[in-house]
Amino acid sequence: MEGLVKLRRVINGEKTIKDVGSWKTGEKMPRTAFPVRGAGFKVPGKYTWRIVRFLCEGESFRLLMAYRLDLQRAMFYLGKEVVSEMLVLCRYEFHADEPGWHMHCICDDKDKTSGRLTCDDKRLPHWASFHRELTLGITRAEDAYKRADRVFRLSKTPPYELEGQPWQA
């Protein structure tokens, strides 16, 4: 099926990094950074956040990374760019009201609408299952980027890798 994006192929696929935004703290994220419709989606100024843009499987994607140490909360949103909006494929997060790090995801983008948060089909691992990591494990921006790299395999690039480490920007 043409145009169908499978989450596993995006995570495991080779990526060409287009842009690694700088970390922002004390600055509300503009809606244009990760355009999702609805008043319910926003990253308040008290979060530290960053956007990474990359190409994979012939499509453009964005990864929003945001965390707040005082609340022991982190969220990573992976979205496919569709015209001027994002089709959110998954949300990887840690927060106090659910056990451990977990991912909410869709298996593919068939019948999904761009610009809306539609990644609640599955939770991995299930809330009642065993969780390997029960603590946030982030104390600085570099930790957040390394976690995103490990989970979303951002450093899986073609042989002509970019110089420098993206978490330093």
C-alpha atoms as a PDB file:
ATOM      1  CA  MET A   1       0.000   0.000   0.000  1.00  0.00           C
ATOM      2  CA  GLU A   2       1.618   3.255  -1.146  1.00  0.00           C
ATOM      3  CA  GLY A   3       2.163   5.973   1.449  1.00  0.00           C
ATOM      4  CA  LEU A   4       1.732   3.636   4.387  1.00  0.00           C
ATOM      5  CA  VAL A   5       4.335   4.219   7.097  1.00  0.00           C
ATOM      6  CA  LYS A   6       5.051   1.492   9.598  1.00  0.00           C
ATOM      7  CA  LEU A   7       6.405   2.697  12.919  1.00  0.00           C
ATOM      8  CA  ARG A   8       8.903  -0.156  13.259  1.00  0.00           C
ATOM      9  CA  ARG A   9      10.401   0.635   9.825  1.00  0.00           C
ATOM     10  CA  VAL A  10      10.807   4.300  10.780  1.00  0.00           C
ATOM     11  CA  ILE A  11      12.463   3.504  14.101  1.00  0.00           C
ATOM     12  CA  ASN A  12      14.768   0.847  12.633  1.00  0.00           C
ATOM     13  CA  GLY A  13      15.435   2.589   9.307  1.00  0.00           C
ATOM     14  CA  GLU A  14      18.429   4.662   8.279  1.00  0.00           C
ATOM     15  CA  LYS A  15      17.895   8.338   8.955  1.00  0.00           C
ATOM     16  CA  THR A  16      19.286  11.458   7.368  1.00  0.00           C
ATOM     17  CA  ILE A  17      19.205  14.233   9.962  1.00  0.00           C
ATOM     18  CA  LYS A  18      17.997  17.494   8.391  1.00  0.00           C
ATOM     19  CA  ASP A  19      18.041  19.704  11.467  1.00  0.00           C
ATOM     20  CA  VAL A  20      18.763  19.397  15.172  1.00  0.00           C
ATOM     21  CA  GLY A  21      17.162  22.333  16.927  1.00  0.00           C
ATOM     22  CA  SER A  22      18.657  23.849  20.030  1.00  0.00           C
ATOM     23  CA  TRP A  23      17.333  23.067  23.494  1.00  0.00           C
ATOM     24  CA  LYS A  24      14.868  25.687  24.732  1.00  0.00           C
ATOM     25  CA  THR A  25      13.972  26.270  28.369  1.00  0.00           C
ATOM     26  CA  GLY A  26      11.583  28.896  29.715  1.00  0.00           C
ATOM     27  CA  GLU A  27      10.170  29.362  26.240  1.00  0.00           C
ATOM     28  CA  LYS A  28       6.760  28.110  25.174  1.00  0.00           C
ATOM     29  CA  MET A  29       6.997  25.907  22.083  1.00  0.00           C
ATOM     30  CA  PRO A  30       5.402  27.604  19.045  1.00  0.00           C
ATOM     31  CA  ARG A  31       2.682  25.520  17.376  1.00  0.00           C
ATOM     32  CA  THR A  32       4.631  25.625  14.109  1.00  0.00           C
ATOM     33  CA  ALA A  33       7.483  23.601  15.657  1.00  0.00           C
ATOM     34  CA  PHE A  34       5.312  20.472  15.914  1.00  0.00           C
ATOM     35  CA  PRO A  35       1.944  21.377  14.338  1.00  0.00           C
ATOM     36  CA  VAL A  36      -0.882  19.372  15.894  1.00  0.00           C
ATOM     37  CA  ARG A  37      -4.421  20.726  15.962  1.00  0.00           C
ATOM     38  CA  GLY A  38      -6.322  21.221  19.176  1.00  0.00           C
ATOM     39  CA  ALA A  39      -5.871  23.315  22.257  1.00  0.00           C
ATOM     40  CA  GLY A  40      -4.900  20.274  24.318  1.00  0.00           C
ATOM     41  CA  PHE A  41      -1.455  19.876  22.734  1.00  0.00           C
ATOM     42  CA  LYS A  42       1.228  22.274  23.904  1.00  0.00           C
ATOM     43  CA  VAL A  43       4.620  22.304  25.536  1.00  0.00           C
ATOM     44  CA  PRO A  44       4.598  24.949  28.292  1.00  0.00           C
ATOM     45  CA  GLY A  45       7.572  27.194  28.917  1.00  0.00           C
ATOM     46  CA  LYS A  46       8.619  25.333  32.068  1.00  0.00           C
ATOM     47  CA  TYR A  47       9.643  22.323  29.960  1.00  0.00           C
ATOM     48  CA  THR A  48      13.005  21.963  28.258  1.00  0.00           C
ATOM     49  CA  TRP A  49      12.351  20.954  24.655  1.00  0.00           C
ATOM     50  CA  ARG A  50      13.938  20.409  21.260  1.00  0.00           C
ATOM     51  CA  ILE A  51      12.897  19.311  17.749  1.00  0.00           C
ATOM     52  CA  VAL A  52      14.905  16.990  15.491  1.00  0.00           C
ATOM     53  CA  ARG A  53      13.934  16.766  11.801  1.00  0.00           C
ATOM     54  CA  PHE A  54      14.988  13.768   9.732  1.00  0.00           C
ATOM     55  CA  LEU A  55      14.283  11.785   6.573  1.00  0.00           C
ATOM     56  CA  CYS A  56      13.551   8.069   6.616  1.00  0.00           C
ATOM     57  CA  GLU A  57      11.924   5.739   4.097  1.00  0.00           C
ATOM     58  CA  GLY A  58      11.526   8.687   1.702  1.00  0.00           C
ATOM     59  CA  GLU A  59       9.392  10.665   4.183  1.00  0.00           C
ATOM     60  CA  SER A  60      10.039  13.646   6.486  1.00  0.00           C
ATOM     61  CA  PHE A  61       9.665  13.228  10.244  1.00  0.00           C
ATOM     62  CA  ARG A  62      10.030  15.282  13.394  1.00  0.00           C
ATOM     63  CA  LEU A  63      10.865  14.129  16.885  1.00  0.00           C
ATOM     64  CA  LEU A  64       9.800  16.409  19.718  1.00  0.00           C
ATOM     65  CA  MET A  65      11.737  15.850  22.949  1.00  0.00           C
ATOM     66  CA  ALA A  66      10.522  17.573  26.125  1.00  0.00           C
ATOM     67  CA  TYR A  67      11.167  17.058  29.811  1.00  0.00           C
ATOM     68  CA  ARG A  68      10.638  18.717  33.167  1.00  0.00           C
ATOM     69  CA  LEU A  69      12.886  17.599  36.006  1.00  0.00           C
ATOM     70  CA  ASP A  70      10.888  19.110  38.878  1.00  0.00           C
ATOM     71  CA  LEU A  71       7.864  17.006  37.869  1.00  0.00           C
ATOM     72  CA  GLN A  72       9.968  13.975  36.862  1.00  0.00           C
ATOM     73  CA  ARG A  73       8.198  14.011  33.506  1.00  0.00           C
ATOM     74  CA  ALA A  74       9.386  13.452  29.930  1.00  0.00           C
ATOM     75  CA  MET A  75       7.696  13.037  26.554  1.00  0.00           C
ATOM     76  CA  PHE A  76       8.994  12.236  23.099  1.00  0.00           C
ATOM     77  CA  TYR A  77       6.602  12.547  20.131  1.00  0.00           C
ATOM     78  CA  LEU A  78       7.458  11.053  16.730  1.00  0.00           C
ATOM     79  CA  GLY A  79       5.454  12.511  13.867  1.00  0.00           C
ATOM     80  CA  LYS A  80       5.394  12.256  10.087  1.00  0.00           C
ATOM     81  CA  GLU A  81       5.149  15.563   8.230  1.00  0.00           C
ATOM     82  CA  VAL A  82       1.960  15.650   6.151  1.00  0.00           C
ATOM     83  CA  VAL A  83       1.669  18.935   4.263  1.00  0.00           C
ATOM     84  CA  SER A  84       1.701  21.485   7.120  1.00  0.00           C
ATOM     85  CA  GLU A  85       0.708  19.170   9.976  1.00  0.00           C
ATOM     86  CA  MET A  86       2.079  16.200  11.858  1.00  0.00           C
ATOM     87  CA  LEU A  87       0.711  12.677  11.864  1.00  0.00           C
ATOM     88  CA  VAL A  88       1.744  11.492  15.322  1.00  0.00           C
ATOM     89  CA  LEU A  89       2.940   7.881  15.154  1.00  0.00           C
ATOM     90  CA  CYS A  90       3.940   7.415  18.773  1.00  0.00           C
ATOM     91  CA  ARG A  91       4.495   9.003  22.153  1.00  0.00           C
ATOM     92  CA  TYR A  92       7.248   7.689  24.436  1.00  0.00           C
ATOM     93  CA  GLU A  93       6.926   9.019  27.961  1.00  0.00           C
ATOM     94  CA  PHE A  94       7.572   8.872  31.659  1.00  0.00           C
ATOM     95  CA  HIS A  95       5.246  10.338  34.283  1.00  0.00           C
ATOM     96  CA  ALA A  96       4.283   9.607  37.856  1.00  0.00           C
ATOM     97  CA  ASP A  97       0.696   8.431  37.271  1.00  0.00           C
ATOM     98  CA  GLU A  98       1.709   5.386  35.172  1.00  0.00           C
ATOM     99  CA  PRO A  99       4.482   2.893  35.920  1.00  0.00           C
ATOM    100  CA  GLY A 100       7.825   3.240  34.114  1.00  0.00           C
ATOM    101  CA  TRP A 101       8.843   4.410  30.666  1.00  0.00           C
ATOM    102  CA  HIS A 102       6.279   3.374  28.066  1.00  0.00           C
ATOM    103  CA  MET A 103       5.151   4.041  24.515  1.00  0.00           C
ATOM    104  CA  HIS A 104       1.712   4.753  23.106  1.00  0.00           C
ATOM    105  CA  CYS A 105       1.698   3.959  19.418  1.00  0.00           C
ATOM    106  CA  ILE A 106      -0.098   3.048  16.231  1.00  0.00           C
ATOM    107  CA  CYS A 107       1.243   0.221  14.110  1.00  0.00           C
ATOM    108  CA  ASP A 108       0.826   2.098  10.827  1.00  0.00           C
ATOM    109  CA  ASP A 109      -0.709   5.308   9.566  1.00  0.00           C
ATOM    110  CA  LYS A 110      -3.563   3.686   7.613  1.00  0.00           C
ATOM    111  CA  ASP A 111      -6.831   5.577   8.137  1.00  0.00           C
ATOM    112  CA  LYS A 112      -5.166   8.071  10.519  1.00  0.00           C
ATOM    113  CA  THR A 113      -5.696  11.816  10.212  1.00  0.00           C
ATOM    114  CA  SER A 114      -2.808  14.247  10.238  1.00  0.00           C
ATOM    115  CA  GLY A 115      -2.808  17.073  12.730  1.00  0.00           C
ATOM    116  CA  ARG A 116      -4.401  15.013  15.488  1.00  0.00           C
ATOM    117  CA  LEU A 117      -3.028  12.973  18.360  1.00  0.00           C
ATOM    118  CA  THR A 118      -3.955   9.468  17.256  1.00  0.00           C
ATOM    119  CA  CYS A 119      -1.214   7.406  18.890  1.00  0.00           C
ATOM    120  CA  ASP A 120      -3.208   5.788  21.698  1.00  0.00           C
ATOM    121  CA  ASP A 121      -3.976   2.439  20.068  1.00  0.00           C
ATOM    122  CA  LYS A 122      -1.354   0.445  21.997  1.00  0.00           C
ATOM    123  CA  ARG A 123       0.656   0.911  25.193  1.00  0.00           C
ATOM    124  CA  LEU A 124       3.981  -0.897  25.364  1.00  0.00           C
ATOM    125  CA  PRO A 125       4.612  -2.385  27.827  1.00  0.00           C
ATOM    126  CA  HIS A 126       1.097  -2.797  29.166  1.00  0.00           C
ATOM    127  CA  TRP A 127       0.629  -0.876  32.432  1.00  0.00           C
ATOM    128  CA  ALA A 128       0.320  -4.094  34.454  1.00  0.00           C
ATOM    129  CA  SER A 129       3.407  -5.693  32.870  1.00  0.00           C
ATOM    130  CA  PHE A 130       6.999  -5.661  34.071  1.00  0.00           C
ATOM    131  CA  HIS A 131       8.830  -2.353  33.425  1.00  0.00           C
ATOM    132  CA  ARG A 132      12.627  -2.283  33.193  1.00  0.00           C
ATOM    133  CA  GLU A 133      13.064   1.385  34.022  1.00  0.00           C
ATOM    134  CA  LEU A 134      11.001   2.849  36.837  1.00  0.00           C
ATOM    135  CA  THR A 135      12.868   6.153  37.181  1.00  0.00           C
ATOM    136  CA  LEU A 136      13.152   9.131  34.823  1.00  0.00           C
ATOM    137  CA  GLY A 137      16.920   8.772  34.449  1.00  0.00           C
ATOM    138  CA  ILE A 138      17.282  12.261  32.960  1.00  0.00           C
ATOM    139  CA  THR A 139      19.243  14.941  34.799  1.00  0.00           C
ATOM    140  CA  ARG A 140      20.303  17.120  31.841  1.00  0.00           C
ATOM    141  CA  ALA A 141      19.614  17.713  28.158  1.00  0.00           C
ATOM    142  CA  GLU A 142      22.320  15.286  27.021  1.00  0.00           C
ATOM    143  CA  ASP A 143      20.556  12.440  28.881  1.00  0.00           C
ATOM    144  CA  ALA A 144      17.270  13.208  27.120  1.00  0.00           C
ATOM    145  CA  TYR A 145      18.932  13.203  23.699  1.00  0.00           C
ATOM    146  CA  LYS A 146      20.760   9.946  24.418  1.00  0.00           C
ATOM    147  CA  ARG A 147      17.486   8.291  25.472  1.00  0.00           C
ATOM    148  CA  ALA A 148      15.779   9.516  22.291  1.00  0.00           C
ATOM    149  CA  ASP A 149      18.722   8.254  20.230  1.00  0.00           C
ATOM    150  CA  ARG A 150      18.545   4.848  21.921  1.00  0.00           C
ATOM    151  CA  VAL A 151      14.770   4.476  21.509  1.00  0.00           C
ATOM    152  CA  PHE A 152      14.319   6.080  18.064  1.00  0.00           C
ATOM    153  CA  ARG A 153      17.802   5.209  16.714  1.00  0.00           C
ATOM    154  CA  LEU A 154      18.569   8.747  15.551  1.00  0.00           C
ATOM    155  CA  SER A 155      22.239   7.897  15.020  1.00  0.00           C
ATOM    156  CA  LYS A 156      21.368   5.149  12.539  1.00  0.00           C
ATOM    157  CA  THR A 157      22.445   7.213   9.569  1.00  0.00           C
ATOM    158  CA  PRO A 158      23.864   6.363   6.157  1.00  0.00           C
ATOM    159  CA  PRO A 159      27.676   6.056   5.993  1.00  0.00           C
ATOM    160  CA  TYR A 160      28.207   9.827   5.572  1.00  0.00           C
ATOM    161  CA  GLU A 161      27.384  10.693   9.211  1.00  0.00           C
ATOM    162  CA  LEU A 162      27.304  14.322  10.314  1.00  0.00           C
ATOM    163  CA  GLU A 163      30.283  15.571  12.291  1.00  0.00           C
ATOM    164  CA  GLY A 164      29.921  16.344  15.984  1.00  0.00           C
ATOM    165  CA  GLN A 165      27.375  15.174  18.486  1.00  0.00           C
ATOM    166  CA  PRO A 166      23.834  16.554  17.994  1.00  0.00           C
ATOM    167  CA  TRP A 167      23.078  16.731  21.722  1.00  0.00           C
ATOM    168  CA  GLN A 168      25.783  19.378  22.127  1.00  0.00           C
ATOM    169  CA  ALA A 169      24.004  22.010  19.999  1.00  0.00           C
END
